[in-house]
Amino acid sequence: MKIILLLITIFFSSMAVTSCTNDEGETEFDHITPEEEQQALLDRMEQEKVN
């Protein structure tokens, strides 16, 4: 009985590990340059002044 439970545990563990892949080929975060970050900050400040 212990061997069957061990095999079931190993089976589901291997399924969980092998299914966790990033097939999109794209990172989750956008890389921005310091200039883009500064421009975004200025745009946000201008929007706050308008509101």
PDB file of N, CA and C in Angstrom:
ATOM      1  N   MET A   1       0.824  -1.206   0.000  1.00  0.00           N
ATOM      2  CA  MET A   1       0.000   0.000   0.000  1.00  0.00           C
ATOM      3  C   MET A   1       0.861   1.260   0.000  1.00  0.00           C
ATOM      4  N   LYS A   2       1.935   1.230   0.787  1.00  0.00           N
ATOM      5  CA  LYS A   2       2.819   2.398   0.832  1.00  0.00           C
ATOM      6  C   LYS A   2       3.466   2.644  -0.530  1.00  0.00           C
ATOM      7  N   ILE A   3       3.799   1.559  -1.229  1.00  0.00           N
ATOM      8  CA  ILE A   3       4.446   1.701  -2.539  1.00  0.00           C
ATOM      9  C   ILE A   3       3.480   2.329  -3.533  1.00  0.00           C
ATOM     10  N   ILE A   4       2.216   1.960  -3.490  1.00  0.00           N
ATOM     11  CA  ILE A   4       1.217   2.529  -4.402  1.00  0.00           C
ATOM     12  C   ILE A   4       1.042   4.015  -4.123  1.00  0.00           C
ATOM     13  N   LEU A   5       0.950   4.383  -2.859  1.00  0.00           N
ATOM     14  CA  LEU A   5       0.820   5.811  -2.516  1.00  0.00           C
ATOM     15  C   LEU A   5       2.064   6.597  -2.914  1.00  0.00           C
ATOM     16  N   LEU A   6       3.228   5.988  -2.745  1.00  0.00           N
ATOM     17  CA  LEU A   6       4.467   6.639  -3.154  1.00  0.00           C
ATOM     18  C   LEU A   6       4.497   6.848  -4.659  1.00  0.00           C
ATOM     19  N   LEU A   7       4.096   5.853  -5.430  1.00  0.00           N
ATOM     20  CA  LEU A   7       4.076   5.991  -6.890  1.00  0.00           C
ATOM     21  C   LEU A   7       3.067   7.043  -7.337  1.00  0.00           C
ATOM     22  N   ILE A   8       1.906   7.074  -6.693  1.00  0.00           N
ATOM     23  CA  ILE A   8       0.903   8.096  -7.032  1.00  0.00           C
ATOM     24  C   ILE A   8       1.448   9.490  -6.716  1.00  0.00           C
ATOM     25  N   THR A   9       2.112   9.632  -5.571  1.00  0.00           N
ATOM     26  CA  THR A   9       2.696  10.925  -5.188  1.00  0.00           C
ATOM     27  C   THR A   9       3.764  11.354  -6.184  1.00  0.00           C
ATOM     28  N   ILE A  10       4.621  10.423  -6.569  1.00  0.00           N
ATOM     29  CA  ILE A  10       5.675  10.740  -7.545  1.00  0.00           C
ATOM     30  C   ILE A  10       5.063  11.109  -8.889  1.00  0.00           C
ATOM     31  N   PHE A  11       4.033  10.411  -9.287  1.00  0.00           N
ATOM     32  CA  PHE A  11       3.373  10.693 -10.560  1.00  0.00           C
ATOM     33  C   PHE A  11       2.806  12.113 -10.586  1.00  0.00           C
ATOM     34  N   PHE A  12       2.037  12.459  -9.548  1.00  0.00           N
ATOM     35  CA  PHE A  12       1.446  13.795  -9.518  1.00  0.00           C
ATOM     36  C   PHE A  12       2.499  14.885  -9.334  1.00  0.00           C
ATOM     37  N   SER A  13       3.544  14.597  -8.593  1.00  0.00           N
ATOM     38  CA  SER A  13       4.627  15.567  -8.438  1.00  0.00           C
ATOM     39  C   SER A  13       5.327  15.815  -9.759  1.00  0.00           C
ATOM     40  N   SER A  14       5.585  14.763 -10.508  1.00  0.00           N
ATOM     41  CA  SER A  14       6.251  14.947 -11.798  1.00  0.00           C
ATOM     42  C   SER A  14       5.355  15.691 -12.781  1.00  0.00           C
ATOM     43  N   MET A  15       4.050  15.445 -12.712  1.00  0.00           N
ATOM     44  CA  MET A  15       3.130  16.197 -13.573  1.00  0.00           C
ATOM     45  C   MET A  15       3.146  17.683 -13.217  1.00  0.00           C
ATOM     46  N   ALA A  16       3.173  17.991 -11.942  1.00  0.00           N
ATOM     47  CA  ALA A  16       3.172  19.385 -11.514  1.00  0.00           C
ATOM     48  C   ALA A  16       4.450  20.092 -11.938  1.00  0.00           C
ATOM     49  N   VAL A  17       5.571  19.426 -11.804  1.00  0.00           N
ATOM     50  CA  VAL A  17       6.854  20.049 -12.148  1.00  0.00           C
ATOM     51  C   VAL A  17       6.985  20.241 -13.654  1.00  0.00           C
ATOM     52  N   THR A  18       6.589  19.265 -14.438  1.00  0.00           N
ATOM     53  CA  THR A  18       6.771  19.372 -15.890  1.00  0.00           C
ATOM     54  C   THR A  18       5.743  20.297 -16.534  1.00  0.00           C
ATOM     55  N   SER A  19       4.637  20.567 -15.878  1.00  0.00           N
ATOM     56  CA  SER A  19       3.635  21.434 -16.482  1.00  0.00           C
ATOM     57  C   SER A  19       3.899  22.912 -16.221  1.00  0.00           C
ATOM     58  N   CYS A  20       4.846  23.233 -15.371  1.00  0.00           N
ATOM     59  CA  CYS A  20       5.148  24.625 -15.037  1.00  0.00           C
ATOM     60  C   CYS A  20       6.213  25.160 -15.984  1.00  0.00           C
ATOM     61  N   THR A  21       5.810  25.481 -17.194  1.00  0.00           N
ATOM     62  CA  THR A  21       6.743  26.043 -18.166  1.00  0.00           C
ATOM     63  C   THR A  21       6.184  27.351 -18.699  1.00  0.00           C
ATOM     64  N   ASN A  22       7.063  28.179 -19.170  1.00  0.00           N
ATOM     65  CA  ASN A  22       6.667  29.439 -19.770  1.00  0.00           C
ATOM     66  C   ASN A  22       6.826  29.291 -21.283  1.00  0.00           C
ATOM     67  N   ASP A  23       5.762  28.861 -21.943  1.00  0.00           N
ATOM     68  CA  ASP A  23       5.818  28.623 -23.375  1.00  0.00           C
ATOM     69  C   ASP A  23       5.608  29.883 -24.203  1.00  0.00           C
ATOM     70  N   GLU A  24       5.322  30.981 -23.559  1.00  0.00           N
ATOM     71  CA  GLU A  24       5.031  32.197 -24.295  1.00  0.00           C
ATOM     72  C   GLU A  24       6.280  32.787 -24.935  1.00  0.00           C
ATOM     73  N   GLY A  25       7.434  32.544 -24.357  1.00  0.00           N
ATOM     74  CA  GLY A  25       8.665  33.061 -24.917  1.00  0.00           C
ATOM     75  C   GLY A  25       8.864  34.537 -24.652  1.00  0.00           C
ATOM     76  N   GLU A  26       8.053  35.102 -23.818  1.00  0.00           N
ATOM     77  CA  GLU A  26       8.134  36.524 -23.525  1.00  0.00           C
ATOM     78  C   GLU A  26       8.176  36.698 -22.014  1.00  0.00           C
ATOM     79  N   THR A  27       8.990  37.638 -21.568  1.00  0.00           N
ATOM     80  CA  THR A  27       9.082  37.848 -20.127  1.00  0.00           C
ATOM     81  C   THR A  27       7.820  38.519 -19.614  1.00  0.00           C
ATOM     82  N   GLU A  28       7.589  38.383 -18.342  1.00  0.00           N
ATOM     83  CA  GLU A  28       6.379  38.923 -17.736  1.00  0.00           C
ATOM     84  C   GLU A  28       6.481  40.438 -17.538  1.00  0.00           C
ATOM     85  N   PHE A  29       7.706  40.940 -17.446  1.00  0.00           N
ATOM     86  CA  PHE A  29       7.906  42.352 -17.157  1.00  0.00           C
ATOM     87  C   PHE A  29       8.424  43.085 -18.386  1.00  0.00           C
ATOM     88  N   ASP A  30       8.032  44.333 -18.523  1.00  0.00           N
ATOM     89  CA  ASP A  30       8.537  45.165 -19.604  1.00  0.00           C
ATOM     90  C   ASP A  30       9.828  45.826 -19.159  1.00  0.00           C
ATOM     91  N   HIS A  31      10.818  45.827 -20.044  1.00  0.00           N
ATOM     92  CA  HIS A  31      12.081  46.498 -19.742  1.00  0.00           C
ATOM     93  C   HIS A  31      12.000  47.907 -20.313  1.00  0.00           C
ATOM     94  N   ILE A  32      12.175  48.893 -19.453  1.00  0.00           N
ATOM     95  CA  ILE A  32      12.127  50.273 -19.917  1.00  0.00           C
ATOM     96  C   ILE A  32      13.458  50.942 -19.612  1.00  0.00           C
ATOM     97  N   THR A  33      13.756  51.927 -20.399  1.00  0.00           N
ATOM     98  CA  THR A  33      14.982  52.678 -20.206  1.00  0.00           C
ATOM     99  C   THR A  33      14.747  53.775 -19.171  1.00  0.00           C
ATOM    100  N   PRO A  34      15.802  54.338 -18.608  1.00  0.00           N
ATOM    101  CA  PRO A  34      15.609  55.431 -17.640  1.00  0.00           C
ATOM    102  C   PRO A  34      14.855  56.628 -18.234  1.00  0.00           C
ATOM    103  N   GLU A  35      15.062  56.874 -19.532  1.00  0.00           N
ATOM    104  CA  GLU A  35      14.358  57.992 -20.166  1.00  0.00           C
ATOM    105  C   GLU A  35      12.859  57.719 -20.221  1.00  0.00           C
ATOM    106  N   GLU A  36      12.485  56.489 -20.546  1.00  0.00           N
ATOM    107  CA  GLU A  36      11.063  56.135 -20.586  1.00  0.00           C
ATOM    108  C   GLU A  36      10.436  56.214 -19.202  1.00  0.00           C
ATOM    109  N   GLU A  37      11.190  55.812 -18.190  1.00  0.00           N
ATOM    110  CA  GLU A  37      10.685  55.875 -16.821  1.00  0.00           C
ATOM    111  C   GLU A  37      10.476  57.327 -16.400  1.00  0.00           C
ATOM    112  N   GLN A  38      11.426  58.190 -16.749  1.00  0.00           N
ATOM    113  CA  GLN A  38      11.307  59.607 -16.403  1.00  0.00           C
ATOM    114  C   GLN A  38      10.129  60.243 -17.133  1.00  0.00           C
ATOM    115  N   GLN A  39       9.935  59.899 -18.407  1.00  0.00           N
ATOM    116  CA  GLN A  39       8.817  60.443 -19.169  1.00  0.00           C
ATOM    117  C   GLN A  39       7.493  59.981 -18.581  1.00  0.00           C
ATOM    118  N   ALA A  40       7.418  58.733 -18.160  1.00  0.00           N
ATOM    119  CA  ALA A  40       6.198  58.220 -17.555  1.00  0.00           C
ATOM    120  C   ALA A  40       5.895  58.951 -16.248  1.00  0.00           C
ATOM    121  N   LEU A  41       6.936  59.253 -15.482  1.00  0.00           N
ATOM    122  CA  LEU A  41       6.755  59.991 -14.234  1.00  0.00           C
ATOM    123  C   LEU A  41       6.262  61.403 -14.503  1.00  0.00           C
ATOM    124  N   LEU A  42       6.820  62.044 -15.521  1.00  0.00           N
ATOM    125  CA  LEU A  42       6.372  63.398 -15.875  1.00  0.00           C
ATOM    126  C   LEU A  42       4.932  63.392 -16.358  1.00  0.00           C
ATOM    127  N   ASP A  43       4.566  62.399 -17.152  1.00  0.00           N
ATOM    128  CA  ASP A  43       3.188  62.286 -17.635  1.00  0.00           C
ATOM    129  C   ASP A  43       2.223  62.091 -16.475  1.00  0.00           C
ATOM    130  N   ARG A  44       2.611  61.277 -15.511  1.00  0.00           N
ATOM    131  CA  ARG A  44       1.762  61.033 -14.356  1.00  0.00           C
ATOM    132  C   ARG A  44       1.590  62.304 -13.521  1.00  0.00           C
ATOM    133  N   MET A  45       2.664  63.087 -13.395  1.00  0.00           N
ATOM    134  CA  MET A  45       2.586  64.341 -12.635  1.00  0.00           C
ATOM    135  C   MET A  45       1.663  65.337 -13.341  1.00  0.00           C
ATOM    136  N   GLU A  46       1.735  65.376 -14.682  1.00  0.00           N
ATOM    137  CA  GLU A  46       0.868  66.288 -15.431  1.00  0.00           C
ATOM    138  C   GLU A  46      -0.598  65.895 -15.276  1.00  0.00           C
ATOM    139  N   GLN A  47      -0.875  64.605 -15.264  1.00  0.00           N
ATOM    140  CA  GLN A  47      -2.259  64.148 -15.096  1.00  0.00           C
ATOM    141  C   GLN A  47      -2.792  64.509 -13.709  1.00  0.00           C
ATOM    142  N   GLU A  48      -1.934  64.452 -12.699  1.00  0.00           N
ATOM    143  CA  GLU A  48      -2.366  64.808 -11.346  1.00  0.00           C
ATOM    144  C   GLU A  48      -2.660  66.301 -11.249  1.00  0.00           C
ATOM    145  N   LYS A  49      -1.903  67.116 -11.990  1.00  0.00           N
ATOM    146  CA  LYS A  49      -2.148  68.567 -11.968  1.00  0.00           C
ATOM    147  C   LYS A  49      -3.488  68.893 -12.605  1.00  0.00           C
ATOM    148  N   VAL A  50      -3.847  68.154 -13.669  1.00  0.00           N
ATOM    149  CA  VAL A  50      -5.104  68.405 -14.382  1.00  0.00           C
ATOM    150  C   VAL A  50      -6.285  68.026 -13.497  1.00  0.00           C
ATOM    151  N   ASN A  51      -6.166  66.942 -12.772  1.00  0.00           N
ATOM    152  CA  ASN A  51      -7.284  66.491 -11.924  1.00  0.00           C
ATOM    153  C   ASN A  51      -7.293  67.343 -10.708  1.00  0.00           C
TER     154      ASN A  51
END
